[in-house]
Amino acid sequence: MNDTEEYAIMSADIIYRCKTKGQVLVAKEQKNGFKTIETNSKELEEKLREYREQKKAKFKLFLRVLLVIGLLILVVDMIYALRSYSAYEATDSVERDRSSATQFEMFGECLLEYSNDGISCMDINHEIIWNQSFEMISPEIVICKEYLAIYDASGTQIYIMTKGGLQKRIETALPIQTVCIAEQGTVAVLMKENNVSQIKLFDTKGNELANGKFYGDKGGFPIDIALSYDGTKLAVGMVNVAEGNVSTAISFYNFGSVGQSEIDNNVGSYLIEGVLVPQIEYVSNSRMIGIGTGRILVFEGSQKPELAREIVLEEEILSCFHNEKYVGIVYNNIDEEELWHIKVMDFRGNTIMENDTSIPYTHIEFLSNNEICVTSATECQLFTTHSIKKFSYTFDKELYKILAGTTGQNYTFIFKDTIEEVKLK
């Protein structure tokens, strides 16, 4: 062993013994060049305590800054949420040359424009992504995530589309009553002719996945269908009129593993006596709503849906609209200057928003930002879920539709001759 190694061993031993005696190491030069350490453990503890307190103070300061930023954002959001506007300015305008039969819908970030002779998909700059021509008498559109189906109500054509264009065209044997589509492109079709109704499921290649027939002379007939987002659950609303009494039966079918052990894949049926339920629709994979006379039915369950609650409505409904979070209803206002009363609820029956309107509306709907949009041919009102009338305006040109923009002040106004990107003022 050489001298260097010996000194290293001795140094390590001295340091160990110093530590065990509570001494803190401070280098001190000896004659032989060897360094020892001598000081007090209290001094080190004091320095460590100061260091920890400094770190804690910096962390508290960081939290305070985050809190202030969060409060500022909340205040700004509340200001915009509670603010009302009475004017707007156009930031961009695109001329359009279409018939009055043209309809519009959002498809993700894209704008769909469709009529009797075809459908087109435009990007945010109003550039055409694709066109699809057809001949339909009454085109209707349904959308789920990345897929859409456009079909001819009372006709026999269905077009399955994505943002890439046409995926499949399906021709049905019977006139179409309604169509539903799932997020992977599966479509459910309710068809009817004379006293016979038929329901079929197709995949995106047009292959038939399931079918069933219903005969009206056997006590009831389908009035509506609903397909879950994942395409595994189908609900069928059946109306029965016997001796002047109306009742609705809603049956659920599961085409996944759970339904394989059930007769005809039926995993549950519910009879609602004395109530007509003309509209049923899935609002998520595990929740379906039924809108009937005097009540809203909420069914929940990822495999075997059950009736979770009935929301009883005290007034006669004039209009009903919904999205994935809320359901809105419109009543008559009695002896009021405002002719109609709007009420929005969540699916537990809690009232979220109430307000009135005097617009002789042709459309009332939720926008993509959850605001309620009321429009007539030349008038518009926007309401927030805070019950604030955000915007009210009478135009000097024919209004077709309003679409929400990326911020609380930006919208797209679609008029007869132009599409305008606007900012509320």
Protein backbone atom coordinates (compact mmCIF):
# COMPACT_ATOMS: atom_id res chain seq x y z
CA MET A 1 0.00 0.00 0.00
CA ASN A 2 1.43 3.38 -0.93
CA ASP A 3 1.27 6.57 1.16
CA THR A 4 -1.60 8.07 -0.84
CA GLU A 5 -3.85 5.08 -0.28
CA GLU A 6 -2.95 4.98 3.43
CA TYR A 7 -3.83 8.67 3.86
CA ALA A 8 -7.16 8.13 2.07
CA ILE A 9 -8.10 5.30 4.43
CA MET A 10 -7.12 7.35 7.46
CA SER A 11 -9.09 10.34 6.15
CA ALA A 12 -12.24 8.27 5.69
CA ASP A 13 -11.87 6.82 9.19
CA ILE A 14 -11.43 10.25 10.79
CA ILE A 15 -14.43 11.65 8.95
CA TYR A 16 -16.58 8.71 10.09
CA ARG A 17 -15.49 9.17 13.74
CA CYS A 18 -16.15 12.91 13.57
CA LYS A 19 -19.65 12.34 12.28
CA THR A 20 -20.45 9.84 15.01
CA LYS A 21 -19.43 12.38 17.62
CA GLY A 22 -21.72 15.06 16.13
CA GLN A 23 -18.90 17.14 14.67
CA VAL A 24 -19.24 19.01 11.40
CA LEU A 25 -16.41 18.90 8.94
CA VAL A 26 -14.47 22.08 8.27
CA ALA A 27 -11.18 21.61 6.41
CA LYS A 28 -8.02 22.54 8.34
CA GLU A 29 -4.49 22.24 6.87
CA GLN A 30 -1.94 20.16 8.84
CA LYS A 31 1.83 20.13 8.50
CA ASN A 32 1.79 16.80 6.72
CA GLY A 33 -0.76 18.09 4.21
CA PHE A 34 -3.60 16.06 5.77
CA LYS A 35 -6.97 17.83 6.25
CA THR A 36 -9.22 17.31 9.23
CA ILE A 37 -12.64 18.72 9.99
CA GLU A 38 -13.78 20.41 13.07
CA THR A 39 -16.83 22.44 13.80
CA ASN A 40 -20.21 22.16 15.40
CA SER A 41 -23.34 20.24 14.26
CA LYS A 42 -25.61 23.10 15.38
CA GLU A 43 -24.10 25.36 12.74
CA LEU A 44 -24.90 22.84 9.99
CA GLU A 45 -28.43 22.30 11.27
CA GLU A 46 -28.99 26.06 11.25
CA LYS A 47 -27.79 26.33 7.65
CA LEU A 48 -29.98 23.37 6.61
CA ARG A 49 -33.00 24.94 8.33
CA GLU A 50 -32.39 28.25 6.55
CA TYR A 51 -32.10 26.44 3.22
CA ARG A 52 -35.35 24.55 3.77
CA GLU A 53 -37.17 27.74 4.79
CA GLN A 54 -35.93 29.50 1.66
CA LYS A 55 -37.21 26.64 -0.51
CA LYS A 56 -40.54 26.65 1.32
CA ALA A 57 -40.86 30.43 0.88
CA LYS A 58 -40.13 30.16 -2.85
CA PHE A 59 -42.72 27.38 -3.21
CA LYS A 60 -45.35 29.45 -1.36
CA LEU A 61 -44.58 32.40 -3.62
CA PHE A 62 -44.99 30.16 -6.66
CA LEU A 63 -48.39 28.96 -5.37
CA ARG A 64 -49.48 32.55 -4.74
CA VAL A 65 -48.55 33.53 -8.29
CA LEU A 66 -50.49 30.55 -9.67
CA LEU A 67 -53.49 31.47 -7.52
CA VAL A 68 -53.43 35.09 -8.73
CA ILE A 69 -53.19 33.95 -12.37
CA GLY A 70 -56.06 31.51 -11.83
CA LEU A 71 -58.22 34.20 -10.23
CA LEU A 72 -57.47 36.60 -13.08
CA ILE A 73 -58.48 33.98 -15.64
CA LEU A 74 -61.66 33.26 -13.65
CA VAL A 75 -62.52 36.97 -13.45
CA VAL A 76 -61.95 37.44 -17.19
CA ASP A 77 -64.10 34.37 -17.94
CA MET A 78 -66.86 35.68 -15.68
CA ILE A 79 -66.71 39.10 -17.32
CA TYR A 80 -67.15 37.53 -20.74
CA ALA A 81 -69.81 35.13 -19.43
CA LEU A 82 -71.88 37.96 -17.95
CA ARG A 83 -71.32 40.50 -20.71
CA SER A 84 -73.99 41.36 -23.28
CA TYR A 85 -73.48 42.58 -26.86
CA SER A 86 -75.72 44.49 -29.23
CA ALA A 87 -73.58 44.77 -32.37
CA TYR A 88 -70.95 42.94 -34.39
CA GLU A 89 -68.29 43.52 -37.01
CA ALA A 90 -67.40 41.19 -39.87
CA THR A 91 -63.73 40.14 -39.85
CA ASP A 92 -64.04 38.03 -43.01
CA SER A 93 -66.71 37.41 -45.63
CA VAL A 94 -67.18 34.81 -48.37
CA GLU A 95 -69.85 35.07 -51.02
CA ARG A 96 -72.09 32.08 -51.56
CA ASP A 97 -74.40 31.24 -54.44
CA ARG A 98 -76.76 28.57 -53.15
CA SER A 99 -80.50 28.00 -53.02
CA SER A 100 -82.64 28.69 -49.98
CA ALA A 101 -82.94 24.91 -49.48
CA THR A 102 -79.29 24.71 -48.42
CA GLN A 103 -78.65 23.61 -44.84
CA PHE A 104 -75.51 23.81 -42.71
CA GLU A 105 -73.94 21.79 -39.94
CA MET A 106 -70.60 21.63 -38.17
CA PHE A 107 -68.51 18.47 -38.59
CA GLY A 108 -65.68 18.87 -36.11
CA GLU A 109 -63.77 21.94 -37.35
CA CYS A 110 -65.34 21.63 -40.81
CA LEU A 111 -68.51 23.18 -42.18
CA LEU A 112 -71.01 21.00 -44.04
CA GLU A 113 -73.29 22.52 -46.66
CA TYR A 114 -75.98 20.26 -48.10
CA SER A 115 -79.17 20.36 -50.14
CA ASN A 116 -81.27 18.10 -52.38
CA ASP A 117 -78.51 17.71 -54.97
CA GLY A 118 -75.41 17.10 -52.84
CA ILE A 119 -73.20 17.81 -49.86
CA SER A 120 -69.86 19.60 -49.53
CA CYS A 121 -67.31 19.80 -46.73
CA MET A 122 -65.28 23.00 -46.17
CA ASP A 123 -62.32 23.75 -43.91
CA ILE A 124 -62.06 26.76 -41.59
CA ASN A 125 -60.95 28.92 -44.52
CA HIS A 126 -64.08 27.90 -46.47
CA GLU A 127 -62.00 25.92 -48.95
CA ILE A 128 -63.75 22.85 -50.35
CA ILE A 129 -62.36 19.55 -48.98
CA TRP A 130 -64.78 17.34 -50.91
CA ASN A 131 -68.07 17.35 -52.78
CA GLN A 132 -70.59 14.53 -53.05
CA SER A 133 -73.49 14.80 -55.48
CA PHE A 134 -76.82 12.93 -55.15
CA GLU A 135 -80.52 13.42 -55.72
CA MET A 136 -82.65 13.42 -52.55
CA ILE A 137 -86.10 14.76 -51.81
CA SER A 138 -85.61 15.30 -48.06
CA PRO A 139 -81.93 15.05 -47.02
CA GLU A 140 -81.31 14.53 -43.32
CA ILE A 141 -77.94 14.32 -41.60
CA VAL A 142 -76.70 12.56 -38.44
CA ILE A 143 -73.17 12.89 -37.02
CA CYS A 144 -71.15 10.94 -34.45
CA LYS A 145 -67.50 11.90 -33.90
CA GLU A 146 -65.61 11.28 -37.18
CA TYR A 147 -68.54 9.81 -39.16
CA LEU A 148 -71.70 11.19 -40.66
CA ALA A 149 -74.62 9.69 -42.53
CA ILE A 150 -76.79 11.68 -44.90
CA TYR A 151 -79.99 9.99 -45.98
CA ASP A 152 -83.19 10.64 -47.87
CA ALA A 153 -86.10 10.64 -45.41
CA SER A 154 -88.89 8.59 -47.05
CA GLY A 155 -86.37 7.63 -49.76
CA THR A 156 -83.93 4.72 -50.01
CA GLN A 157 -80.42 6.28 -50.11
CA ILE A 158 -77.80 6.50 -47.35
CA TYR A 159 -74.29 7.94 -47.77
CA ILE A 160 -71.70 7.19 -45.07
CA MET A 161 -69.02 9.92 -45.01
CA THR A 162 -65.88 10.94 -43.13
CA LYS A 163 -63.65 14.00 -43.48
CA GLY A 164 -61.94 12.03 -46.23
CA GLY A 165 -65.15 11.78 -48.25
CA LEU A 166 -67.50 8.95 -49.21
CA GLN A 167 -67.05 5.61 -47.43
CA LYS A 168 -70.12 3.73 -48.63
CA ARG A 169 -73.45 4.24 -50.34
CA ILE A 170 -76.31 2.02 -49.14
CA GLU A 171 -79.59 1.44 -50.97
CA THR A 172 -82.46 0.19 -48.81
CA ALA A 173 -85.38 -1.99 -49.85
CA LEU A 174 -87.99 0.02 -47.93
CA PRO A 175 -88.48 3.78 -47.46
CA ILE A 176 -86.29 5.20 -44.69
CA GLN A 177 -87.92 6.63 -41.58
CA THR A 178 -84.77 7.51 -39.62
CA VAL A 179 -81.05 6.68 -39.41
CA CYS A 180 -78.52 6.63 -36.53
CA ILE A 181 -74.73 6.39 -36.81
CA ALA A 182 -72.03 5.27 -34.37
CA GLU A 183 -68.52 6.64 -33.93
CA GLN A 184 -66.95 3.84 -36.03
CA GLY A 185 -69.47 4.27 -38.88
CA THR A 186 -72.04 1.57 -38.06
CA VAL A 187 -75.53 2.73 -39.08
CA ALA A 188 -78.92 1.67 -37.79
CA VAL A 189 -81.82 2.20 -40.18
CA LEU A 190 -85.53 2.24 -39.39
CA MET A 191 -87.61 1.62 -42.51
CA LYS A 192 -91.37 1.49 -42.95
CA GLU A 193 -93.84 0.66 -45.68
CA ASN A 194 -97.56 0.24 -45.14
CA ASN A 195 -97.97 -1.82 -41.96
CA VAL A 196 -94.46 -3.30 -41.88
CA SER A 197 -91.42 -1.76 -40.19
CA GLN A 198 -87.88 -3.09 -40.44
CA ILE A 199 -84.68 -2.24 -38.60
CA LYS A 200 -81.24 -3.06 -40.00
CA LEU A 201 -77.66 -2.47 -38.90
CA PHE A 202 -74.90 -1.99 -41.50
CA ASP A 203 -71.14 -1.57 -41.16
CA THR A 204 -69.15 0.99 -43.15
CA LYS A 205 -68.77 -1.47 -46.04
CA GLY A 206 -72.52 -1.94 -46.32
CA ASN A 207 -72.52 -5.43 -44.78
CA GLU A 208 -75.69 -6.26 -42.86
CA LEU A 209 -74.97 -6.89 -39.16
CA ALA A 210 -78.48 -7.43 -37.77
CA ASN A 211 -82.13 -7.03 -38.76
CA GLY A 212 -85.63 -7.38 -37.41
CA LYS A 213 -89.20 -6.91 -38.65
CA PHE A 214 -92.20 -5.47 -36.84
CA TYR A 215 -95.83 -5.80 -37.90
CA GLY A 216 -98.26 -3.07 -36.88
CA ASP A 217 -101.25 -5.41 -36.71
CA LYS A 218 -99.60 -7.24 -33.80
CA GLY A 219 -100.05 -4.43 -31.33
CA GLY A 220 -97.40 -1.79 -31.97
CA PHE A 221 -94.97 -0.19 -34.39
CA PRO A 222 -91.51 1.43 -34.03
CA ILE A 223 -91.53 5.20 -33.88
CA ASP A 224 -87.82 5.88 -33.27
CA ILE A 225 -84.45 4.19 -32.75
CA ALA A 226 -81.23 5.16 -30.95
CA LEU A 227 -77.72 3.75 -31.41
CA SER A 228 -74.96 4.05 -28.78
CA TYR A 229 -71.72 5.78 -29.75
CA ASP A 230 -69.79 2.50 -29.83
CA GLY A 231 -72.47 0.82 -31.96
CA THR A 232 -73.06 -2.07 -29.55
CA LYS A 233 -76.42 -1.00 -28.09
CA LEU A 234 -79.63 -0.26 -29.97
CA ALA A 235 -82.83 1.13 -28.42
CA VAL A 236 -86.20 0.84 -30.14
CA GLY A 237 -89.21 2.94 -29.19
CA MET A 238 -92.54 1.21 -29.88
CA VAL A 239 -95.91 2.95 -29.73
CA ASN A 240 -99.10 1.05 -28.99
CA VAL A 241 -102.60 2.46 -29.23
CA ALA A 242 -105.24 0.22 -27.73
CA GLU A 243 -108.83 1.27 -26.97
CA GLY A 244 -107.86 4.91 -27.19
CA ASN A 245 -104.97 4.57 -24.72
CA VAL A 246 -101.42 5.35 -25.77
CA SER A 247 -98.36 3.64 -24.31
CA THR A 248 -94.69 3.47 -25.29
CA ALA A 249 -92.41 0.47 -24.91
CA ILE A 250 -88.65 1.01 -25.12
CA SER A 251 -86.52 -2.09 -25.72
CA PHE A 252 -82.74 -2.32 -25.52
CA TYR A 253 -80.60 -4.68 -27.61
CA ASN A 254 -76.93 -5.41 -26.92
CA PHE A 255 -74.81 -6.79 -29.79
CA GLY A 256 -71.70 -7.21 -27.64
CA SER A 257 -70.76 -10.18 -25.47
CA VAL A 258 -73.38 -9.30 -22.83
CA GLY A 259 -76.25 -9.63 -25.29
CA GLN A 260 -75.12 -12.92 -26.80
CA SER A 261 -76.70 -14.92 -23.97
CA GLU A 262 -80.04 -13.08 -24.21
CA ILE A 263 -82.97 -13.98 -26.46
CA ASP A 264 -82.75 -11.85 -29.62
CA ASN A 265 -80.02 -9.83 -27.83
CA ASN A 266 -82.75 -8.11 -25.80
CA VAL A 267 -81.31 -6.91 -22.47
CA GLY A 268 -84.34 -5.04 -21.15
CA SER A 269 -87.72 -3.48 -21.97
CA TYR A 270 -89.74 -0.74 -20.30
CA LEU A 271 -93.42 0.09 -20.70
CA ILE A 272 -94.45 3.70 -20.10
CA GLU A 273 -98.24 3.73 -19.75
CA GLY A 274 -100.24 6.69 -20.99
CA VAL A 275 -97.20 8.48 -22.46
CA LEU A 276 -96.11 8.97 -26.05
CA VAL A 277 -92.29 9.06 -26.39
CA PRO A 278 -91.67 10.02 -30.04
CA GLN A 279 -87.94 10.77 -29.66
CA ILE A 280 -85.15 8.69 -28.13
CA GLU A 281 -81.42 9.31 -28.46
CA TYR A 282 -78.12 8.26 -26.92
CA VAL A 283 -76.18 11.21 -25.51
CA SER A 284 -73.22 9.02 -24.46
CA ASN A 285 -72.32 5.33 -24.49
CA SER A 286 -74.03 4.81 -21.15
CA ARG A 287 -76.92 7.31 -21.24
CA MET A 288 -80.02 7.52 -23.41
CA ILE A 289 -82.87 10.00 -23.12
CA GLY A 290 -86.48 9.76 -24.20
CA ILE A 291 -88.51 12.92 -24.78
CA GLY A 292 -92.21 12.34 -24.26
CA THR A 293 -95.46 14.10 -23.48
CA GLY A 294 -95.03 15.74 -20.11
CA ARG A 295 -91.74 14.12 -19.15
CA ILE A 296 -88.15 13.34 -20.03
CA LEU A 297 -86.89 9.80 -19.40
CA VAL A 298 -83.23 9.17 -18.58
CA PHE A 299 -81.85 5.65 -19.02
CA GLU A 300 -78.37 4.79 -17.76
CA GLY A 301 -76.12 1.72 -17.94
CA SER A 302 -73.16 0.71 -20.07
CA GLN A 303 -74.49 -2.80 -20.84
CA LYS A 304 -78.10 -3.16 -19.65
CA PRO A 305 -79.65 0.33 -19.50
CA GLU A 306 -82.18 0.99 -16.74
CA LEU A 307 -84.63 3.83 -16.18
CA ALA A 308 -82.65 6.09 -13.84
CA ARG A 309 -85.14 8.96 -13.52
CA GLU A 310 -88.22 10.64 -14.95
CA ILE A 311 -88.16 14.42 -15.17
CA VAL A 312 -91.80 15.49 -15.00
CA LEU A 313 -92.66 18.68 -16.90
CA GLU A 314 -95.51 20.80 -15.59
CA GLU A 315 -96.17 22.76 -18.78
CA GLU A 316 -96.90 21.70 -22.34
CA ILE A 317 -93.71 21.58 -24.40
CA LEU A 318 -93.58 23.64 -27.59
CA SER A 319 -90.00 22.72 -28.51
CA CYS A 320 -87.28 20.48 -27.14
CA PHE A 321 -83.56 20.46 -27.94
CA HIS A 322 -80.53 18.81 -26.37
CA ASN A 323 -76.83 18.06 -26.58
CA GLU A 324 -74.53 15.69 -24.67
CA LYS A 325 -74.83 17.70 -21.42
CA TYR A 326 -78.21 19.42 -21.30
CA VAL A 327 -81.80 19.29 -22.45
CA GLY A 328 -83.76 22.46 -23.24
CA ILE A 329 -87.51 22.97 -23.43
CA VAL A 330 -89.69 25.89 -24.55
CA TYR A 331 -93.05 26.78 -22.97
CA ASN A 332 -95.68 29.38 -23.67
CA ASN A 333 -95.46 32.46 -21.47
CA ILE A 334 -98.89 33.38 -20.11
CA ASP A 335 -99.72 37.10 -19.88
CA GLU A 336 -96.13 38.11 -20.49
CA GLU A 337 -94.54 40.48 -22.98
CA GLU A 338 -92.00 37.81 -23.78
CA LEU A 339 -93.95 35.13 -25.62
CA TRP A 340 -91.87 32.05 -24.84
CA HIS A 341 -90.01 30.75 -21.81
CA ILE A 342 -86.78 28.74 -22.24
CA LYS A 343 -85.62 26.32 -19.57
CA VAL A 344 -82.41 24.26 -19.65
CA MET A 345 -81.77 21.30 -17.34
CA ASP A 346 -79.06 18.74 -16.82
CA PHE A 347 -79.91 15.03 -17.00
CA ARG A 348 -80.56 14.91 -13.26
CA GLY A 349 -83.39 17.40 -13.61
CA ASN A 350 -81.48 20.37 -12.12
CA THR A 351 -82.37 23.71 -13.71
CA ILE A 352 -79.27 25.27 -15.30
CA MET A 353 -80.76 28.26 -17.08
CA GLU A 354 -84.07 30.08 -17.57
CA ASN A 355 -84.90 33.05 -19.77
CA ASP A 356 -87.55 34.45 -22.11
CA THR A 357 -87.70 35.36 -25.78
CA SER A 358 -90.16 37.15 -28.02
CA ILE A 359 -88.59 36.01 -31.30
CA PRO A 360 -91.03 34.06 -33.51
CA TYR A 361 -88.29 31.47 -33.84
CA THR A 362 -87.86 28.90 -36.57
CA HIS A 363 -84.88 27.23 -34.87
CA ILE A 364 -83.67 26.85 -31.31
CA GLU A 365 -80.57 24.81 -30.53
CA PHE A 366 -77.39 24.43 -28.52
CA LEU A 367 -74.24 25.72 -30.17
CA SER A 368 -70.96 23.83 -29.77
CA ASN A 369 -70.06 26.11 -26.80
CA ASN A 370 -73.32 25.15 -24.97
CA GLU A 371 -74.94 28.54 -25.63
CA ILE A 372 -78.60 28.55 -26.65
CA CYS A 373 -79.24 30.06 -30.07
CA VAL A 374 -82.71 31.29 -31.05
CA THR A 375 -83.20 32.39 -34.66
CA SER A 376 -85.89 33.48 -37.07
CA ALA A 377 -85.47 34.57 -40.68
CA THR A 378 -83.92 37.91 -39.65
CA GLU A 379 -83.52 37.83 -35.86
CA CYS A 380 -81.16 36.17 -33.44
CA GLN A 381 -80.68 35.85 -29.69
CA LEU A 382 -77.90 34.06 -27.82
CA PHE A 383 -78.25 32.94 -24.20
CA THR A 384 -75.56 31.56 -21.91
CA THR A 385 -76.04 28.84 -19.32
CA HIS A 386 -75.75 31.67 -16.73
CA SER A 387 -79.21 32.85 -17.93
CA ILE A 388 -77.62 35.91 -19.58
CA LYS A 389 -79.00 37.22 -22.86
CA LYS A 390 -75.60 37.56 -24.49
CA PHE A 391 -76.58 38.89 -27.92
CA SER A 392 -79.72 40.16 -29.58
CA TYR A 393 -79.90 41.53 -33.11
CA THR A 394 -82.25 42.13 -36.03
CA PHE A 395 -80.56 41.78 -39.42
CA ASP A 396 -81.44 43.48 -42.71
CA LYS A 397 -80.79 40.24 -44.63
CA GLU A 398 -81.95 36.66 -44.41
CA LEU A 399 -80.19 34.60 -41.74
CA TYR A 400 -79.70 30.85 -42.20
CA LYS A 401 -77.57 29.72 -39.29
CA ILE A 402 -75.14 30.76 -36.53
CA LEU A 403 -72.08 28.74 -35.54
CA ALA A 404 -69.90 29.24 -32.45
CA GLY A 405 -66.30 30.32 -33.00
CA THR A 406 -63.08 29.66 -31.12
CA THR A 407 -63.61 32.43 -28.52
CA GLY A 408 -66.54 33.91 -26.65
CA GLN A 409 -66.86 36.82 -29.08
CA ASN A 410 -66.26 35.06 -32.40
CA TYR A 411 -69.01 33.42 -34.45
CA THR A 412 -69.88 32.47 -38.00
CA PHE A 413 -73.06 34.04 -39.41
CA ILE A 414 -74.44 32.31 -42.48
CA PHE A 415 -76.68 34.56 -44.55
CA LYS A 416 -78.46 33.97 -47.84
CA ASP A 417 -75.63 35.43 -49.94
CA THR A 418 -72.57 35.41 -47.65
CA ILE A 419 -70.78 33.53 -44.90
CA GLU A 420 -69.28 35.99 -42.43
CA GLU A 421 -66.75 35.51 -39.66
CA VAL A 422 -67.79 38.06 -37.02
CA LYS A 423 -66.76 39.48 -33.66
CA LEU A 424 -69.42 40.67 -31.21
CA LYS A 425 -69.17 44.29 -30.00
